[in-house]
Amino acid sequence: MNQSGPVTAYAKLLGNSFIYYMTEPEVTLGRTCTEDHKDERPTVGLGSQKVLSRIHARISYNSDRARFEIICSSKNGLYVDGRFLSCYYLPVPLDSGSLIQ
């Protein structure tokens, strides 16, 4: 995303090969989908590896707690700041600089 000035966003996601500005309070992360699955396309495509689910996780802003949270929706799980999460966990708070793997 090329910008020619300041960006108004809720948050910024940094990946190995992307920068994504959250302009909505909720985004989904997952496998980049083909045309066959365009109804299950994530907001942020993370690649085409089969270890990624189509909708692997959801990041949203919890206004009651004034923080961002992540929910894993994949059986393969994910790591947040070195802690493994499966799809059975409740929302986990994200701090500025949290590492999601």
N, C-alpha and C. Protein backbone atom coordinates (compact mmCIF):
# COMPACT_ATOMS: atom_id res chain seq x y z
N MET A 1 0.85 -1.17 0.00
CA MET A 1 0.00 0.00 0.00
C MET A 1 0.89 1.23 0.00
N ASN A 2 0.91 1.98 -1.07
CA ASN A 2 1.71 3.20 -1.15
C ASN A 2 0.87 4.38 -0.69
N GLN A 3 1.43 5.15 0.21
CA GLN A 3 0.72 6.31 0.75
C GLN A 3 1.58 7.55 0.51
N SER A 4 0.94 8.65 0.25
CA SER A 4 1.67 9.90 0.05
C SER A 4 1.38 10.86 1.19
N GLY A 5 1.56 10.44 2.40
CA GLY A 5 1.30 11.28 3.56
C GLY A 5 0.92 10.42 4.74
N PRO A 6 0.49 11.06 5.82
CA PRO A 6 0.10 10.30 7.01
C PRO A 6 -1.09 9.39 6.72
N VAL A 7 -1.11 8.26 7.41
CA VAL A 7 -2.18 7.28 7.25
C VAL A 7 -3.03 7.29 8.51
N THR A 8 -4.33 7.36 8.35
CA THR A 8 -5.24 7.25 9.47
C THR A 8 -5.63 5.79 9.60
N ALA A 9 -5.24 5.17 10.70
CA ALA A 9 -5.49 3.74 10.88
C ALA A 9 -5.59 3.42 12.35
N TYR A 10 -6.26 2.30 12.64
CA TYR A 10 -6.35 1.80 14.01
C TYR A 10 -5.02 1.22 14.46
N ALA A 11 -4.35 0.53 13.53
CA ALA A 11 -3.08 -0.14 13.86
C ALA A 11 -2.34 -0.44 12.57
N LYS A 12 -1.09 -0.84 12.72
CA LYS A 12 -0.26 -1.22 11.58
C LYS A 12 0.26 -2.63 11.81
N LEU A 13 0.06 -3.49 10.82
CA LEU A 13 0.58 -4.85 10.86
C LEU A 13 1.80 -4.91 9.95
N LEU A 14 2.91 -5.42 10.48
CA LEU A 14 4.14 -5.55 9.71
C LEU A 14 4.44 -7.02 9.49
N GLY A 15 4.65 -7.40 8.24
CA GLY A 15 5.03 -8.77 7.92
C GLY A 15 6.37 -8.78 7.22
N ASN A 16 6.86 -9.98 6.90
CA ASN A 16 8.13 -10.09 6.18
C ASN A 16 8.07 -9.38 4.84
N SER A 17 6.92 -9.40 4.20
CA SER A 17 6.83 -8.82 2.86
C SER A 17 5.64 -7.86 2.70
N PHE A 18 5.11 -7.35 3.81
CA PHE A 18 3.98 -6.44 3.68
C PHE A 18 3.87 -5.50 4.88
N ILE A 19 3.19 -4.40 4.65
CA ILE A 19 2.73 -3.49 5.70
C ILE A 19 1.25 -3.31 5.45
N TYR A 20 0.44 -3.54 6.47
CA TYR A 20 -1.00 -3.40 6.32
C TYR A 20 -1.51 -2.44 7.39
N TYR A 21 -2.21 -1.40 6.97
CA TYR A 21 -2.80 -0.44 7.89
C TYR A 21 -4.25 -0.84 8.14
N MET A 22 -4.58 -1.08 9.40
CA MET A 22 -5.94 -1.45 9.77
C MET A 22 -6.81 -0.20 9.76
N THR A 23 -7.63 -0.05 8.72
CA THR A 23 -8.53 1.09 8.62
C THR A 23 -9.93 0.74 9.12
N GLU A 24 -10.12 -0.51 9.50
CA GLU A 24 -11.35 -0.99 10.11
C GLU A 24 -10.98 -1.59 11.47
N PRO A 25 -11.91 -1.66 12.41
CA PRO A 25 -11.57 -2.18 13.75
C PRO A 25 -11.38 -3.69 13.80
N GLU A 26 -11.61 -4.40 12.69
CA GLU A 26 -11.44 -5.85 12.68
C GLU A 26 -10.89 -6.29 11.33
N VAL A 27 -9.92 -7.21 11.36
CA VAL A 27 -9.38 -7.81 10.14
C VAL A 27 -9.24 -9.31 10.35
N THR A 28 -9.24 -10.03 9.24
CA THR A 28 -8.97 -11.46 9.29
C THR A 28 -7.63 -11.72 8.61
N LEU A 29 -6.92 -12.71 9.12
CA LEU A 29 -5.63 -13.13 8.57
C LEU A 29 -5.79 -14.55 8.05
N GLY A 30 -5.18 -14.87 6.91
CA GLY A 30 -5.29 -16.23 6.43
C GLY A 30 -4.59 -16.47 5.12
N ARG A 31 -4.84 -17.65 4.59
CA ARG A 31 -4.24 -18.09 3.34
C ARG A 31 -4.81 -17.29 2.17
N THR A 32 -3.95 -16.87 1.29
CA THR A 32 -4.38 -16.21 0.07
C THR A 32 -5.17 -17.21 -0.74
N CYS A 33 -6.39 -16.86 -1.09
CA CYS A 33 -7.31 -17.79 -1.73
C CYS A 33 -7.37 -17.59 -3.24
N THR A 34 -7.80 -18.63 -3.92
CA THR A 34 -8.02 -18.57 -5.35
C THR A 34 -9.44 -18.07 -5.60
N GLU A 35 -9.76 -17.89 -6.84
CA GLU A 35 -11.12 -17.46 -7.21
C GLU A 35 -12.19 -18.43 -6.73
N ASP A 36 -11.83 -19.72 -6.57
CA ASP A 36 -12.80 -20.72 -6.12
C ASP A 36 -13.34 -20.43 -4.72
N HIS A 37 -12.55 -19.73 -3.91
CA HIS A 37 -12.92 -19.48 -2.52
C HIS A 37 -12.97 -18.00 -2.20
N LYS A 38 -13.40 -17.18 -3.15
CA LYS A 38 -13.36 -15.74 -2.91
C LYS A 38 -14.30 -15.28 -1.81
N ASP A 39 -15.30 -16.09 -1.44
CA ASP A 39 -16.18 -15.73 -0.33
C ASP A 39 -15.51 -15.94 1.02
N GLU A 40 -14.39 -16.67 1.04
CA GLU A 40 -13.65 -16.93 2.27
C GLU A 40 -12.30 -16.22 2.25
N ARG A 41 -12.19 -15.15 1.51
CA ARG A 41 -10.93 -14.43 1.36
C ARG A 41 -10.64 -13.62 2.62
N PRO A 42 -9.42 -13.75 3.19
CA PRO A 42 -9.08 -12.96 4.38
C PRO A 42 -8.83 -11.50 4.02
N THR A 43 -8.93 -10.63 5.00
CA THR A 43 -8.59 -9.23 4.79
C THR A 43 -7.12 -9.10 4.45
N VAL A 44 -6.27 -9.86 5.18
CA VAL A 44 -4.82 -9.84 4.97
C VAL A 44 -4.37 -11.25 4.56
N GLY A 45 -3.99 -11.41 3.31
CA GLY A 45 -3.48 -12.69 2.84
C GLY A 45 -2.03 -12.87 3.24
N LEU A 46 -1.72 -14.01 3.84
CA LEU A 46 -0.37 -14.26 4.36
C LEU A 46 0.44 -15.23 3.50
N GLY A 47 -0.10 -15.66 2.38
CA GLY A 47 0.60 -16.60 1.52
C GLY A 47 -0.30 -17.78 1.20
N SER A 48 0.22 -18.69 0.41
CA SER A 48 -0.60 -19.80 -0.05
C SER A 48 -0.24 -21.15 0.60
N GLN A 49 0.57 -21.14 1.64
CA GLN A 49 0.96 -22.38 2.30
C GLN A 49 -0.25 -23.07 2.92
N LYS A 50 -0.31 -24.39 2.77
CA LYS A 50 -1.45 -25.16 3.28
C LYS A 50 -1.52 -25.17 4.81
N VAL A 51 -0.43 -24.84 5.49
CA VAL A 51 -0.46 -24.79 6.96
C VAL A 51 -1.33 -23.62 7.44
N LEU A 52 -1.56 -22.65 6.57
CA LEU A 52 -2.45 -21.52 6.88
C LEU A 52 -3.88 -21.89 6.52
N SER A 53 -4.80 -21.60 7.40
CA SER A 53 -6.22 -21.78 7.09
C SER A 53 -6.69 -20.59 6.26
N ARG A 54 -7.81 -20.77 5.57
CA ARG A 54 -8.34 -19.66 4.77
C ARG A 54 -8.59 -18.44 5.66
N ILE A 55 -9.23 -18.66 6.80
CA ILE A 55 -9.36 -17.63 7.83
C ILE A 55 -8.65 -18.18 9.06
N HIS A 56 -7.40 -17.82 9.24
CA HIS A 56 -6.56 -18.40 10.29
C HIS A 56 -6.77 -17.71 11.63
N ALA A 57 -6.98 -16.39 11.60
CA ALA A 57 -7.15 -15.64 12.84
C ALA A 57 -7.89 -14.34 12.56
N ARG A 58 -8.39 -13.76 13.63
CA ARG A 58 -9.11 -12.49 13.54
C ARG A 58 -8.53 -11.54 14.60
N ILE A 59 -8.19 -10.34 14.17
CA ILE A 59 -7.72 -9.30 15.09
C ILE A 59 -8.82 -8.25 15.15
N SER A 60 -9.23 -7.90 16.37
CA SER A 60 -10.28 -6.88 16.51
C SER A 60 -9.99 -6.00 17.72
N TYR A 61 -10.57 -4.83 17.67
CA TYR A 61 -10.44 -3.89 18.77
C TYR A 61 -11.59 -4.10 19.74
N ASN A 62 -11.26 -4.33 21.01
CA ASN A 62 -12.25 -4.50 22.06
C ASN A 62 -12.40 -3.15 22.76
N SER A 63 -13.47 -2.44 22.45
CA SER A 63 -13.64 -1.09 23.01
C SER A 63 -13.91 -1.11 24.52
N ASP A 64 -14.49 -2.19 25.02
CA ASP A 64 -14.73 -2.28 26.47
C ASP A 64 -13.42 -2.34 27.25
N ARG A 65 -12.42 -2.97 26.66
CA ARG A 65 -11.12 -3.13 27.33
C ARG A 65 -10.04 -2.22 26.75
N ALA A 66 -10.40 -1.46 25.73
CA ALA A 66 -9.49 -0.51 25.07
C ALA A 66 -8.19 -1.19 24.63
N ARG A 67 -8.34 -2.30 23.91
CA ARG A 67 -7.16 -3.02 23.43
C ARG A 67 -7.53 -3.87 22.20
N PHE A 68 -6.50 -4.23 21.47
CA PHE A 68 -6.67 -5.18 20.37
C PHE A 68 -6.54 -6.59 20.91
N GLU A 69 -7.28 -7.50 20.30
CA GLU A 69 -7.25 -8.92 20.69
C GLU A 69 -7.19 -9.76 19.42
N ILE A 70 -6.64 -10.96 19.58
CA ILE A 70 -6.58 -11.91 18.47
C ILE A 70 -7.30 -13.18 18.88
N ILE A 71 -8.03 -13.74 17.94
CA ILE A 71 -8.70 -15.03 18.13
C ILE A 71 -8.20 -15.95 17.04
N CYS A 72 -7.68 -17.10 17.43
CA CYS A 72 -7.22 -18.10 16.48
C CYS A 72 -8.43 -18.93 16.04
N SER A 73 -8.59 -19.09 14.74
CA SER A 73 -9.70 -19.91 14.23
C SER A 73 -9.20 -21.10 13.43
N SER A 74 -7.94 -21.47 13.62
CA SER A 74 -7.33 -22.58 12.89
C SER A 74 -6.95 -23.71 13.82
N LYS A 75 -7.18 -24.94 13.37
CA LYS A 75 -6.74 -26.11 14.15
C LYS A 75 -5.22 -26.16 14.25
N ASN A 76 -4.53 -25.52 13.31
CA ASN A 76 -3.07 -25.52 13.33
C ASN A 76 -2.50 -24.58 14.38
N GLY A 77 -3.31 -23.66 14.87
CA GLY A 77 -2.86 -22.75 15.92
C GLY A 77 -1.96 -21.65 15.40
N LEU A 78 -1.47 -20.86 16.35
CA LEU A 78 -0.52 -19.79 16.06
C LEU A 78 0.20 -19.43 17.35
N TYR A 79 1.23 -18.62 17.22
CA TYR A 79 1.99 -18.15 18.38
C TYR A 79 1.82 -16.64 18.50
N VAL A 80 1.62 -16.19 19.74
CA VAL A 80 1.61 -14.76 20.05
C VAL A 80 2.66 -14.54 21.12
N ASP A 81 3.69 -13.79 20.77
CA ASP A 81 4.80 -13.52 21.70
C ASP A 81 5.36 -14.80 22.31
N GLY A 82 5.49 -15.85 21.47
CA GLY A 82 6.08 -17.11 21.91
C GLY A 82 5.11 -18.08 22.58
N ARG A 83 3.89 -17.68 22.81
CA ARG A 83 2.89 -18.53 23.47
C ARG A 83 1.99 -19.17 22.42
N PHE A 84 1.87 -20.50 22.45
CA PHE A 84 1.05 -21.20 21.47
C PHE A 84 -0.43 -21.05 21.79
N LEU A 85 -1.21 -20.76 20.76
CA LEU A 85 -2.67 -20.66 20.91
C LEU A 85 -3.31 -21.58 19.90
N SER A 86 -4.35 -22.28 20.33
CA SER A 86 -5.13 -23.09 19.39
C SER A 86 -6.48 -22.41 19.19
N CYS A 87 -7.31 -23.02 18.38
CA CYS A 87 -8.61 -22.42 18.11
C CYS A 87 -9.56 -22.53 19.30
N TYR A 88 -9.11 -23.12 20.38
CA TYR A 88 -9.96 -23.28 21.56
C TYR A 88 -9.75 -22.19 22.60
N TYR A 89 -8.79 -21.29 22.36
CA TYR A 89 -8.49 -20.22 23.31
C TYR A 89 -9.49 -19.07 23.15
N LEU A 90 -9.70 -18.37 24.25
CA LEU A 90 -10.49 -17.13 24.23
C LEU A 90 -9.64 -16.05 23.57
N PRO A 91 -10.20 -14.89 23.30
CA PRO A 91 -9.40 -13.80 22.73
C PRO A 91 -8.17 -13.50 23.61
N VAL A 92 -7.05 -13.25 22.95
CA VAL A 92 -5.79 -12.96 23.64
C VAL A 92 -5.42 -11.51 23.35
N PRO A 93 -5.08 -10.74 24.40
CA PRO A 93 -4.73 -9.34 24.17
C PRO A 93 -3.44 -9.20 23.37
N LEU A 94 -3.38 -8.18 22.53
CA LEU A 94 -2.17 -7.85 21.78
C LEU A 94 -1.62 -6.54 22.29
N ASP A 95 -0.32 -6.49 22.47
CA ASP A 95 0.36 -5.26 22.87
C ASP A 95 1.02 -4.66 21.65
N SER A 96 1.41 -3.41 21.74
CA SER A 96 2.18 -2.80 20.67
C SER A 96 3.47 -3.60 20.51
N GLY A 97 3.74 -4.05 19.31
CA GLY A 97 4.95 -4.83 19.05
C GLY A 97 4.76 -6.33 19.24
N SER A 98 3.56 -6.81 19.54
CA SER A 98 3.34 -8.25 19.68
C SER A 98 3.74 -8.98 18.41
N LEU A 99 4.37 -10.14 18.59
CA LEU A 99 4.81 -10.96 17.45
C LEU A 99 3.82 -12.10 17.27
N ILE A 100 3.23 -12.15 16.08
CA ILE A 100 2.27 -13.22 15.73
C ILE A 100 2.94 -14.11 14.70
N GLN A 101 3.00 -15.41 15.00
CA GLN A 101 3.62 -16.36 14.07
C GLN A 101 2.65 -17.48 13.80
